[in-house]
Amino acid sequence: MAEELDYIAYFARTKRFDIRPRTIFVEGTTDVELFELAAKLEKEETGVDLLGDRLAIIAAGEKNEGGRKECAGN
């Protein structure tokens, strides 16, 4: 089955992520917050719900834990 080959969906299920037909993984929770804020502002301005119920934005980790680590001295 095609679903058996979907490694991202399998990973998301093991982490109990809320995946949807369209799922975008971002580095951290700040990125999710920015997507949600942009969607909220667009909905207030135009009435269009950019996220809807078919799109999920999921952080790979909390805050800095999902993305690259900052090097000391940077």
C-alpha atoms as a PDB file:
ATOM      1  CA  MET A   1       0.000   0.000   0.000  1.00  0.00           C
ATOM      2  CA  ALA A   2       1.106   3.571  -0.642  1.00  0.00           C
ATOM      3  CA  GLU A   3       0.371   4.501   2.977  1.00  0.00           C
ATOM      4  CA  GLU A   4       2.946   1.965   4.183  1.00  0.00           C
ATOM      5  CA  LEU A   5       5.613   3.867   2.247  1.00  0.00           C
ATOM      6  CA  ASP A   6       4.685   7.270   3.695  1.00  0.00           C
ATOM      7  CA  TYR A   7       7.485   7.648   6.247  1.00  0.00           C
ATOM      8  CA  ILE A   8       6.468  11.187   7.220  1.00  0.00           C
ATOM      9  CA  ALA A   9       2.920  10.093   8.073  1.00  0.00           C
ATOM     10  CA  TYR A  10       4.302   7.148  10.047  1.00  0.00           C
ATOM     11  CA  PHE A  11       6.668   9.429  11.986  1.00  0.00           C
ATOM     12  CA  ALA A  12       3.870  11.908  12.664  1.00  0.00           C
ATOM     13  CA  ARG A  13       1.633   9.159  14.014  1.00  0.00           C
ATOM     14  CA  THR A  14       4.363   7.930  16.373  1.00  0.00           C
ATOM     15  CA  LYS A  15       4.636  11.469  17.751  1.00  0.00           C
ATOM     16  CA  ARG A  16       0.828  11.805  17.894  1.00  0.00           C
ATOM     17  CA  PHE A  17       0.913  14.861  15.654  1.00  0.00           C
ATOM     18  CA  ASP A  18      -2.376  16.138  14.250  1.00  0.00           C
ATOM     19  CA  ILE A  19      -1.644  15.459  10.587  1.00  0.00           C
ATOM     20  CA  ARG A  20      -4.092  16.423   7.870  1.00  0.00           C
ATOM     21  CA  PRO A  21      -4.254  15.934   4.093  1.00  0.00           C
ATOM     22  CA  ARG A  22      -1.711  18.754   3.771  1.00  0.00           C
ATOM     23  CA  THR A  23       0.886  18.940   6.540  1.00  0.00           C
ATOM     24  CA  ILE A  24       3.838  21.295   6.742  1.00  0.00           C
ATOM     25  CA  PHE A  25       6.678  20.609   9.178  1.00  0.00           C
ATOM     26  CA  VAL A  26       8.534  23.694  10.406  1.00  0.00           C
ATOM     27  CA  GLU A  27      11.533  24.046  12.717  1.00  0.00           C
ATOM     28  CA  GLY A  28       9.929  25.124  15.952  1.00  0.00           C
ATOM     29  CA  THR A  29       6.888  26.417  17.760  1.00  0.00           C
ATOM     30  CA  THR A  30       7.668  30.049  16.925  1.00  0.00           C
ATOM     31  CA  ASP A  31       7.274  29.206  13.229  1.00  0.00           C
ATOM     32  CA  VAL A  32       3.879  27.628  13.946  1.00  0.00           C
ATOM     33  CA  GLU A  33       2.839  30.736  15.874  1.00  0.00           C
ATOM     34  CA  LEU A  34       3.851  32.967  12.937  1.00  0.00           C
ATOM     35  CA  PHE A  35       1.833  30.882  10.444  1.00  0.00           C
ATOM     36  CA  GLU A  36      -1.169  30.966  12.777  1.00  0.00           C
ATOM     37  CA  LEU A  37      -0.857  34.734  13.260  1.00  0.00           C
ATOM     38  CA  ALA A  38      -0.650  35.322   9.497  1.00  0.00           C
ATOM     39  CA  ALA A  39      -3.704  33.123   8.943  1.00  0.00           C
ATOM     40  CA  LYS A  40      -5.619  34.941  11.697  1.00  0.00           C
ATOM     41  CA  LEU A  41      -4.795  38.368  10.249  1.00  0.00           C
ATOM     42  CA  GLU A  42      -5.774  37.235   6.730  1.00  0.00           C
ATOM     43  CA  LYS A  43      -9.085  35.887   8.003  1.00  0.00           C
ATOM     44  CA  GLU A  44      -9.808  39.138   9.851  1.00  0.00           C
ATOM     45  CA  GLU A  45      -8.974  41.175   6.736  1.00  0.00           C
ATOM     46  CA  THR A  46     -10.551  39.070   3.975  1.00  0.00           C
ATOM     47  CA  GLY A  47     -12.573  36.302   5.625  1.00  0.00           C
ATOM     48  CA  VAL A  48     -10.356  33.671   3.982  1.00  0.00           C
ATOM     49  CA  ASP A  49      -9.179  30.871   6.286  1.00  0.00           C
ATOM     50  CA  LEU A  50      -5.712  30.001   4.971  1.00  0.00           C
ATOM     51  CA  LEU A  51      -5.264  27.010   7.253  1.00  0.00           C
ATOM     52  CA  GLY A  52      -8.739  25.522   7.160  1.00  0.00           C
ATOM     53  CA  ASP A  53      -9.284  21.946   8.242  1.00  0.00           C
ATOM     54  CA  ARG A  54      -7.132  20.316   5.550  1.00  0.00           C
ATOM     55  CA  LEU A  55      -3.802  21.994   6.427  1.00  0.00           C
ATOM     56  CA  ALA A  56      -1.677  21.460   9.530  1.00  0.00           C
ATOM     57  CA  ILE A  57       1.472  23.336  10.495  1.00  0.00           C
ATOM     58  CA  ILE A  58       3.540  21.200  12.885  1.00  0.00           C
ATOM     59  CA  ALA A  59       6.737  22.064  14.746  1.00  0.00           C
ATOM     60  CA  ALA A  60       9.547  19.530  14.652  1.00  0.00           C
ATOM     61  CA  GLY A  61      10.394  20.559  18.208  1.00  0.00           C
ATOM     62  CA  GLU A  62       9.674  23.015  20.982  1.00  0.00           C
ATOM     63  CA  LYS A  63      11.205  26.449  20.476  1.00  0.00           C
ATOM     64  CA  ASN A  64      14.853  25.862  19.358  1.00  0.00           C
ATOM     65  CA  GLU A  65      14.751  22.091  19.735  1.00  0.00           C
ATOM     66  CA  GLY A  66      13.346  21.463  16.256  1.00  0.00           C
ATOM     67  CA  GLY A  67      15.815  23.419  14.220  1.00  0.00           C
ATOM     68  CA  ARG A  68      19.515  23.892  14.099  1.00  0.00           C
ATOM     69  CA  LYS A  69      21.359  24.586  17.308  1.00  0.00           C
ATOM     70  CA  GLU A  70      23.037  27.928  17.649  1.00  0.00           C
ATOM     71  CA  CYS A  71      26.790  27.637  17.918  1.00  0.00           C
ATOM     72  CA  ALA A  72      28.489  29.196  20.904  1.00  0.00           C
ATOM     73  CA  GLY A  73      29.690  32.668  20.087  1.00  0.00           C
ATOM     74  CA  ASN A  74      27.216  33.285  17.225  1.00  0.00           C
END
